[in-house]
C-alpha cells in the first residue's frame, strides 16, 4: 500500500490512486487538486478499464466502507494506512 500508482485519464490527465476498494475496483483522484474522483474498474482480461466519475461525498463513502471491511476482517495495518489517507484526502 506504500507504492504510488498513477493512471492517465484521456480528459483529466494524470490520476493518483487513493485506494483499492474491491478486487477489480480502485478509487483515483486528480493528481494535483484532489477535487475530482473516479471509480476505476478493471474489466475482464483484455477488456480495458472503465472510469466512472463520482462526487467527493461518494468517494469518501466508498473509502469509509472499505475501512469498515478492513476493520471487520482484522487487517489492522492496512486499516491504519487507509485511515491516514482518509484524513489527508478529506479532512483538508
N, C-alpha and C. Protein backbone atom coordinates (compact mmCIF):
# COMPACT_ATOMS: atom_id res chain seq x y z
N UNK A 1 0.82 -1.18 0.00
CA UNK A 1 0.00 0.00 0.00
C UNK A 1 0.87 1.26 0.00
N UNK A 2 2.14 1.14 0.19
CA UNK A 2 3.02 2.30 0.19
C UNK A 2 3.40 2.75 -1.21
N UNK A 3 3.17 1.92 -2.20
CA UNK A 3 3.55 2.29 -3.56
C UNK A 3 2.49 3.20 -4.15
N UNK A 4 2.95 4.17 -4.91
CA UNK A 4 2.05 5.09 -5.57
C UNK A 4 1.72 4.56 -6.95
N UNK A 5 0.45 4.65 -7.32
CA UNK A 5 0.00 4.20 -8.63
C UNK A 5 -0.69 5.35 -9.34
N UNK A 6 -0.42 5.46 -10.63
CA UNK A 6 -0.99 6.53 -11.43
C UNK A 6 -1.62 5.97 -12.69
N UNK A 7 -2.63 6.67 -13.19
CA UNK A 7 -3.26 6.36 -14.47
C UNK A 7 -3.36 7.64 -15.27
N UNK A 8 -3.33 7.53 -16.56
CA UNK A 8 -3.51 8.69 -17.41
C UNK A 8 -4.93 8.67 -17.96
N UNK A 9 -5.75 9.61 -17.51
CA UNK A 9 -7.12 9.73 -17.99
C UNK A 9 -7.10 10.55 -19.27
N UNK A 10 -7.87 10.16 -20.29
CA UNK A 10 -7.81 10.87 -21.58
C UNK A 10 -8.22 12.33 -21.50
N UNK A 11 -9.07 12.71 -20.55
CA UNK A 11 -9.52 14.10 -20.44
C UNK A 11 -8.88 14.84 -19.28
N UNK A 12 -8.77 14.19 -18.12
CA UNK A 12 -8.34 14.86 -16.91
C UNK A 12 -6.86 14.69 -16.58
N UNK A 13 -6.13 14.00 -17.42
CA UNK A 13 -4.70 13.85 -17.22
C UNK A 13 -4.35 12.82 -16.17
N UNK A 14 -3.27 13.07 -15.45
CA UNK A 14 -2.73 12.11 -14.51
C UNK A 14 -3.61 11.98 -13.27
N UNK A 15 -3.97 10.75 -12.94
CA UNK A 15 -4.75 10.44 -11.75
C UNK A 15 -3.89 9.64 -10.78
N UNK A 16 -4.11 9.87 -9.51
CA UNK A 16 -3.37 9.18 -8.45
C UNK A 16 -4.33 8.25 -7.70
N UNK A 17 -3.88 7.03 -7.43
CA UNK A 17 -4.74 6.08 -6.71
C UNK A 17 -4.85 6.48 -5.25
N UNK A 18 -6.10 6.52 -4.77
CA UNK A 18 -6.37 6.76 -3.36
C UNK A 18 -6.33 5.43 -2.62
N UNK A 19 -7.06 4.43 -3.15
CA UNK A 19 -7.07 3.11 -2.51
C UNK A 19 -7.73 2.08 -3.41
N UNK A 20 -7.53 0.82 -3.05
CA UNK A 20 -8.24 -0.30 -3.68
C UNK A 20 -9.54 -0.46 -2.91
N UNK A 21 -10.66 -0.56 -3.63
CA UNK A 21 -11.95 -0.73 -2.98
C UNK A 21 -12.39 -2.18 -2.97
N UNK A 22 -12.28 -2.83 -4.10
CA UNK A 22 -12.64 -4.23 -4.26
C UNK A 22 -11.60 -4.88 -5.15
N UNK A 23 -11.81 -6.14 -5.47
CA UNK A 23 -10.82 -6.88 -6.24
C UNK A 23 -10.50 -6.21 -7.57
N UNK A 24 -11.48 -5.70 -8.28
CA UNK A 24 -11.24 -5.10 -9.59
C UNK A 24 -11.62 -3.63 -9.63
N UNK A 25 -11.69 -2.98 -8.46
CA UNK A 25 -12.11 -1.59 -8.44
C UNK A 25 -11.23 -0.77 -7.51
N UNK A 26 -10.83 0.41 -8.01
CA UNK A 26 -9.97 1.31 -7.25
C UNK A 26 -10.55 2.72 -7.31
N UNK A 27 -10.18 3.52 -6.31
CA UNK A 27 -10.58 4.91 -6.25
C UNK A 27 -9.37 5.77 -6.62
N UNK A 28 -9.54 6.64 -7.60
CA UNK A 28 -8.49 7.55 -8.04
C UNK A 28 -8.97 8.99 -7.92
N UNK A 29 -8.02 9.91 -7.84
CA UNK A 29 -8.33 11.34 -7.82
C UNK A 29 -7.36 12.06 -8.74
N UNK A 30 -7.75 13.26 -9.15
CA UNK A 30 -6.83 14.05 -9.96
C UNK A 30 -5.58 14.32 -9.13
N UNK A 31 -4.46 14.32 -9.76
CA UNK A 31 -3.18 14.35 -9.05
C UNK A 31 -2.97 15.60 -8.22
N UNK A 32 -3.23 16.75 -8.77
CA UNK A 32 -2.84 17.98 -8.07
C UNK A 32 -3.95 18.56 -7.20
N UNK A 33 -5.16 18.67 -7.70
CA UNK A 33 -6.22 19.34 -6.95
C UNK A 33 -6.96 18.42 -6.00
N UNK A 34 -7.00 17.14 -6.27
CA UNK A 34 -7.75 16.15 -5.50
C UNK A 34 -9.19 16.61 -5.32
N UNK A 35 -9.78 17.11 -6.42
CA UNK A 35 -11.17 17.57 -6.40
C UNK A 35 -12.09 16.66 -7.19
N UNK A 36 -11.55 15.97 -8.17
CA UNK A 36 -12.34 15.06 -8.98
C UNK A 36 -11.96 13.63 -8.63
N UNK A 37 -12.97 12.78 -8.47
CA UNK A 37 -12.72 11.40 -8.08
C UNK A 37 -13.32 10.46 -9.11
N UNK A 38 -12.67 9.31 -9.28
CA UNK A 38 -13.10 8.32 -10.26
C UNK A 38 -13.03 6.93 -9.66
N UNK A 39 -14.08 6.13 -9.90
CA UNK A 39 -14.02 4.70 -9.63
C UNK A 39 -13.50 4.07 -10.91
N UNK A 40 -12.41 3.35 -10.80
CA UNK A 40 -11.82 2.71 -11.97
C UNK A 40 -12.01 1.21 -11.81
N UNK A 41 -12.72 0.63 -12.77
CA UNK A 41 -13.00 -0.79 -12.76
C UNK A 41 -12.18 -1.46 -13.85
N UNK A 42 -11.43 -2.48 -13.46
CA UNK A 42 -10.64 -3.26 -14.41
C UNK A 42 -11.54 -4.37 -14.92
N UNK A 43 -11.85 -4.31 -16.19
CA UNK A 43 -12.75 -5.29 -16.77
C UNK A 43 -11.97 -6.56 -17.09
N UNK A 44 -12.67 -7.56 -17.56
CA UNK A 44 -12.05 -8.86 -17.83
C UNK A 44 -10.78 -8.70 -18.65
N UNK A 45 -9.88 -9.67 -18.58
CA UNK A 45 -8.61 -9.58 -19.31
C UNK A 45 -8.82 -9.12 -20.76
N UNK A 46 -8.09 -8.10 -21.12
CA UNK A 46 -8.20 -7.55 -22.47
C UNK A 46 -9.37 -6.60 -22.64
N UNK A 47 -10.16 -6.41 -21.58
CA UNK A 47 -11.35 -5.56 -21.66
C UNK A 47 -11.11 -4.11 -21.34
N UNK A 48 -9.94 -3.78 -20.85
CA UNK A 48 -9.63 -2.39 -20.54
C UNK A 48 -10.14 -1.95 -19.18
N UNK A 49 -10.29 -0.63 -19.04
CA UNK A 49 -10.72 -0.04 -17.78
C UNK A 49 -11.93 0.85 -18.02
N UNK A 50 -12.76 0.92 -17.00
CA UNK A 50 -13.94 1.78 -17.05
C UNK A 50 -13.77 2.87 -15.99
N UNK A 51 -13.89 4.13 -16.39
CA UNK A 51 -13.78 5.28 -15.50
C UNK A 51 -15.17 5.80 -15.20
N UNK A 52 -15.51 5.89 -13.92
CA UNK A 52 -16.80 6.45 -13.51
C UNK A 52 -16.54 7.62 -12.57
N UNK A 53 -16.95 8.80 -12.99
CA UNK A 53 -16.79 9.99 -12.17
C UNK A 53 -17.75 9.91 -10.98
N UNK A 54 -17.23 10.19 -9.78
CA UNK A 54 -18.08 10.19 -8.58
C UNK A 54 -17.84 11.49 -7.81
N UNK A 55 -18.82 11.85 -7.01
CA UNK A 55 -18.70 13.07 -6.21
C UNK A 55 -17.72 12.86 -5.06
N UNK A 56 -17.31 13.94 -4.47
CA UNK A 56 -16.40 13.88 -3.31
C UNK A 56 -17.06 13.08 -2.17
N UNK A 57 -18.35 13.30 -1.94
CA UNK A 57 -19.03 12.58 -0.86
C UNK A 57 -19.16 11.08 -1.18
N UNK A 58 -19.39 10.74 -2.45
CA UNK A 58 -19.45 9.32 -2.83
C UNK A 58 -18.08 8.67 -2.66
N UNK A 59 -17.03 9.40 -3.01
CA UNK A 59 -15.67 8.87 -2.87
C UNK A 59 -15.36 8.62 -1.39
N UNK A 60 -15.74 9.57 -0.56
CA UNK A 60 -15.49 9.42 0.88
C UNK A 60 -16.27 8.24 1.44
N UNK A 61 -17.52 8.09 1.04
CA UNK A 61 -18.34 6.97 1.49
C UNK A 61 -17.74 5.64 1.07
N UNK A 62 -17.23 5.56 -0.15
CA UNK A 62 -16.59 4.33 -0.64
C UNK A 62 -15.36 3.99 0.20
N UNK A 63 -14.58 5.01 0.52
CA UNK A 63 -13.38 4.79 1.34
C UNK A 63 -13.76 4.37 2.75
N UNK A 64 -14.78 4.99 3.33
CA UNK A 64 -15.23 4.61 4.67
C UNK A 64 -15.78 3.19 4.70
N UNK A 65 -16.45 2.78 3.63
CA UNK A 65 -16.95 1.41 3.54
C UNK A 65 -15.79 0.42 3.52
N UNK A 66 -14.74 0.77 2.76
CA UNK A 66 -13.54 -0.09 2.71
C UNK A 66 -12.90 -0.18 4.10
N UNK A 67 -12.85 0.94 4.82
CA UNK A 67 -12.30 0.94 6.17
C UNK A 67 -13.06 -0.02 7.09
N UNK A 68 -14.38 0.00 7.01
CA UNK A 68 -15.19 -0.91 7.84
C UNK A 68 -14.89 -2.36 7.52
N UNK A 69 -14.76 -2.67 6.23
CA UNK A 69 -14.45 -4.04 5.83
C UNK A 69 -13.08 -4.49 6.35
N UNK A 70 -12.11 -3.60 6.28
CA UNK A 70 -10.76 -3.93 6.78
C UNK A 70 -10.78 -4.17 8.28
N UNK A 71 -11.49 -3.32 9.01
CA UNK A 71 -11.56 -3.46 10.46
C UNK A 71 -12.23 -4.77 10.84
N UNK A 72 -13.33 -5.10 10.16
CA UNK A 72 -14.05 -6.35 10.45
C UNK A 72 -13.22 -7.58 10.15
N UNK A 73 -12.39 -7.49 9.11
CA UNK A 73 -11.58 -8.65 8.73
C UNK A 73 -10.26 -8.73 9.49
N UNK A 74 -9.99 -7.75 10.34
CA UNK A 74 -8.79 -7.78 11.16
C UNK A 74 -7.52 -7.36 10.45
N UNK A 75 -7.64 -6.68 9.35
CA UNK A 75 -6.46 -6.21 8.60
C UNK A 75 -6.08 -4.81 9.12
N UNK A 76 -5.53 -4.77 10.33
CA UNK A 76 -5.33 -3.51 11.03
C UNK A 76 -4.23 -2.64 10.44
N UNK A 77 -3.19 -3.24 9.89
CA UNK A 77 -2.12 -2.43 9.30
C UNK A 77 -2.65 -1.66 8.09
N UNK A 78 -3.36 -2.35 7.21
CA UNK A 78 -3.94 -1.68 6.04
C UNK A 78 -5.01 -0.68 6.49
N UNK A 79 -5.75 -1.01 7.54
CA UNK A 79 -6.77 -0.11 8.09
C UNK A 79 -6.12 1.21 8.54
N UNK A 80 -5.02 1.12 9.27
CA UNK A 80 -4.34 2.33 9.76
C UNK A 80 -3.82 3.18 8.60
N UNK A 81 -3.27 2.54 7.58
CA UNK A 81 -2.77 3.28 6.42
C UNK A 81 -3.92 3.99 5.70
N UNK A 82 -5.03 3.30 5.55
CA UNK A 82 -6.17 3.88 4.86
C UNK A 82 -6.81 4.98 5.69
N UNK A 83 -6.78 4.86 6.99
CA UNK A 83 -7.29 5.91 7.89
C UNK A 83 -6.50 7.20 7.67
N UNK A 84 -5.19 7.09 7.51
CA UNK A 84 -4.35 8.27 7.24
C UNK A 84 -4.69 8.89 5.89
N UNK A 85 -4.94 8.04 4.92
CA UNK A 85 -5.32 8.53 3.59
C UNK A 85 -6.66 9.27 3.67
N UNK A 86 -7.60 8.72 4.42
CA UNK A 86 -8.90 9.37 4.60
C UNK A 86 -8.71 10.77 5.19
N UNK A 87 -7.92 10.86 6.23
CA UNK A 87 -7.70 12.16 6.88
C UNK A 87 -7.01 13.15 5.96
N UNK A 88 -5.98 12.71 5.26
CA UNK A 88 -5.25 13.64 4.41
C UNK A 88 -6.03 14.06 3.17
N UNK A 89 -6.90 13.20 2.68
CA UNK A 89 -7.65 13.49 1.46
C UNK A 89 -8.92 14.27 1.74
N UNK A 90 -9.62 13.96 2.82
CA UNK A 90 -10.94 14.52 3.03
C UNK A 90 -11.04 15.47 4.21
N UNK A 91 -10.01 15.62 5.02
CA UNK A 91 -10.07 16.50 6.17
C UNK A 91 -9.38 17.83 5.93
N UNK A 92 -8.94 18.07 4.71
CA UNK A 92 -8.20 19.31 4.45
C UNK A 92 -9.11 20.40 3.93
